[in-house]
Amino acid sequence: MNHTYLTEEQWEQQFKPLVTYDTLPDNVPEHHLWTLMEGLDGGLAYANGIHFVNALTYCECEVPWRDGEEYSVELDTEGLED
């Protein structure tokens, strides 16, 4: 399996996010879904596919990811307040 790290800007350009869902949608193909997760360090990152542990929201993207590809997108949360 190939693991690729993307910046938020690279992810937006490559996969074209459309809609964010608070719960897992049942009408979106899995290869169009990304999970926003909280990391152990408190940071936020998107991972392709459906995840449940530390999942916060789900994002549907226009461009699907491919089997055998694993992506991580660390979000820049500096300056954001709780």
C-alpha atoms as a PDB file:
ATOM      1  CA  MET A   1       0.000   0.000   0.000  1.00  0.00           C
ATOM      2  CA  ASN A   2       1.307   3.439  -0.901  1.00  0.00           C
ATOM      3  CA  HIS A   3       0.962   6.192   1.734  1.00  0.00           C
ATOM      4  CA  THR A   4       0.968   9.815   0.583  1.00  0.00           C
ATOM      5  CA  TYR A   5       0.996  12.934   2.753  1.00  0.00           C
ATOM      6  CA  LEU A   6      -0.775  15.962   1.276  1.00  0.00           C
ATOM      7  CA  THR A   7      -1.114  19.559   2.352  1.00  0.00           C
ATOM      8  CA  GLU A   8      -4.654  20.844   2.717  1.00  0.00           C
ATOM      9  CA  GLU A   9      -4.206  22.853  -0.494  1.00  0.00           C
ATOM     10  CA  GLN A  10      -2.931  19.827  -2.450  1.00  0.00           C
ATOM     11  CA  TRP A  11      -5.866  17.748  -1.189  1.00  0.00           C
ATOM     12  CA  GLU A  12      -8.398  20.417  -2.200  1.00  0.00           C
ATOM     13  CA  GLN A  13      -6.892  20.716  -5.684  1.00  0.00           C
ATOM     14  CA  GLN A  14      -6.595  16.962  -6.255  1.00  0.00           C
ATOM     15  CA  PHE A  15      -9.826  15.617  -4.712  1.00  0.00           C
ATOM     16  CA  LYS A  16     -12.141  18.674  -4.753  1.00  0.00           C
ATOM     17  CA  PRO A  17     -14.114  18.514  -1.459  1.00  0.00           C
ATOM     18  CA  LEU A  18     -17.861  19.099  -1.859  1.00  0.00           C
ATOM     19  CA  VAL A  19     -19.848  18.544   1.352  1.00  0.00           C
ATOM     20  CA  THR A  20     -19.091  17.843   5.012  1.00  0.00           C
ATOM     21  CA  TYR A  21     -21.381  15.548   7.025  1.00  0.00           C
ATOM     22  CA  ASP A  22     -21.715  15.273  10.806  1.00  0.00           C
ATOM     23  CA  THR A  23     -22.600  11.590  10.523  1.00  0.00           C
ATOM     24  CA  LEU A  24     -21.631   8.904   8.051  1.00  0.00           C
ATOM     25  CA  PRO A  25     -23.789   9.359   4.931  1.00  0.00           C
ATOM     26  CA  ASP A  26     -25.360   6.219   3.474  1.00  0.00           C
ATOM     27  CA  ASN A  27     -25.700   7.457  -0.101  1.00  0.00           C
ATOM     28  CA  VAL A  28     -22.061   8.328  -0.950  1.00  0.00           C
ATOM     29  CA  PRO A  29     -19.650   5.775  -2.470  1.00  0.00           C
ATOM     30  CA  GLU A  30     -16.821   4.940  -0.051  1.00  0.00           C
ATOM     31  CA  HIS A  31     -14.115   6.031  -2.510  1.00  0.00           C
ATOM     32  CA  HIS A  32     -15.518   9.576  -2.396  1.00  0.00           C
ATOM     33  CA  LEU A  33     -15.444   9.774   1.424  1.00  0.00           C
ATOM     34  CA  TRP A  34     -12.773  11.102   3.741  1.00  0.00           C
ATOM     35  CA  THR A  35     -12.832  11.062   7.550  1.00  0.00           C
ATOM     36  CA  LEU A  36     -11.737  14.039   9.640  1.00  0.00           C
ATOM     37  CA  MET A  37     -10.006  12.645  12.717  1.00  0.00           C
ATOM     38  CA  GLU A  38      -8.380  14.020  15.834  1.00  0.00           C
ATOM     39  CA  GLY A  39      -4.821  12.804  16.301  1.00  0.00           C
ATOM     40  CA  LEU A  40      -3.079  11.858  19.525  1.00  0.00           C
ATOM     41  CA  ASP A  41      -1.368  15.254  19.533  1.00  0.00           C
ATOM     42  CA  GLY A  42      -4.730  17.041  19.290  1.00  0.00           C
ATOM     43  CA  GLY A  43      -4.183  17.956  15.645  1.00  0.00           C
ATOM     44  CA  LEU A  44      -6.723  17.346  12.904  1.00  0.00           C
ATOM     45  CA  ALA A  45      -6.217  15.297   9.756  1.00  0.00           C
ATOM     46  CA  TYR A  46      -8.276  13.829   6.930  1.00  0.00           C
ATOM     47  CA  ALA A  47      -7.762  10.200   5.957  1.00  0.00           C
ATOM     48  CA  ASN A  48      -9.298   8.623   2.897  1.00  0.00           C
ATOM     49  CA  GLY A  49     -12.092   6.162   3.529  1.00  0.00           C
ATOM     50  CA  ILE A  50     -14.385   5.482   6.441  1.00  0.00           C
ATOM     51  CA  HIS A  51     -12.924   5.468   9.947  1.00  0.00           C
ATOM     52  CA  PHE A  52     -14.710   5.397  13.289  1.00  0.00           C
ATOM     53  CA  VAL A  53     -12.008   5.838  15.945  1.00  0.00           C
ATOM     54  CA  ASN A  54     -11.461   9.550  16.686  1.00  0.00           C
ATOM     55  CA  ALA A  55     -13.767  10.455  13.767  1.00  0.00           C
ATOM     56  CA  LEU A  56     -15.240  13.954  13.891  1.00  0.00           C
ATOM     57  CA  THR A  57     -16.905  14.452  10.494  1.00  0.00           C
ATOM     58  CA  TYR A  58     -16.974  12.977   7.003  1.00  0.00           C
ATOM     59  CA  CYS A  59     -16.268  14.817   3.770  1.00  0.00           C
ATOM     60  CA  GLU A  60     -17.490  13.904   0.299  1.00  0.00           C
ATOM     61  CA  CYS A  61     -15.093  14.715  -2.538  1.00  0.00           C
ATOM     62  CA  GLU A  62     -15.797  14.992  -6.255  1.00  0.00           C
ATOM     63  CA  VAL A  63     -12.729  12.941  -7.245  1.00  0.00           C
ATOM     64  CA  PRO A  64     -12.525   9.406  -5.802  1.00  0.00           C
ATOM     65  CA  TRP A  65      -9.389   7.932  -4.264  1.00  0.00           C
ATOM     66  CA  ARG A  66      -8.096   4.616  -5.655  1.00  0.00           C
ATOM     67  CA  ASP A  67      -7.701   1.216  -4.018  1.00  0.00           C
ATOM     68  CA  GLY A  68      -4.194   0.646  -2.733  1.00  0.00           C
ATOM     69  CA  GLU A  69      -3.670   4.344  -1.995  1.00  0.00           C
ATOM     70  CA  GLU A  70      -3.607   5.719   1.530  1.00  0.00           C
ATOM     71  CA  TYR A  71      -3.591   9.462   2.156  1.00  0.00           C
ATOM     72  CA  SER A  72      -3.101  11.724   5.162  1.00  0.00           C
ATOM     73  CA  VAL A  73      -3.958  15.411   5.096  1.00  0.00           C
ATOM     74  CA  GLU A  74      -2.851  17.309   8.187  1.00  0.00           C
ATOM     75  CA  LEU A  75      -4.867  20.468   8.658  1.00  0.00           C
ATOM     76  CA  ASP A  76      -3.312  23.706   9.773  1.00  0.00           C
ATOM     77  CA  THR A  77      -5.244  24.587  12.924  1.00  0.00           C
ATOM     78  CA  GLU A  78      -2.853  27.262  14.151  1.00  0.00           C
ATOM     79  CA  GLY A  79      -4.766  30.351  15.125  1.00  0.00           C
ATOM     80  CA  LEU A  80      -8.088  28.518  15.520  1.00  0.00           C
ATOM     81  CA  GLU A  81      -9.761  28.882  18.887  1.00  0.00           C
ATOM     82  CA  ASP A  82     -11.958  26.300  20.616  1.00  0.00           C
END
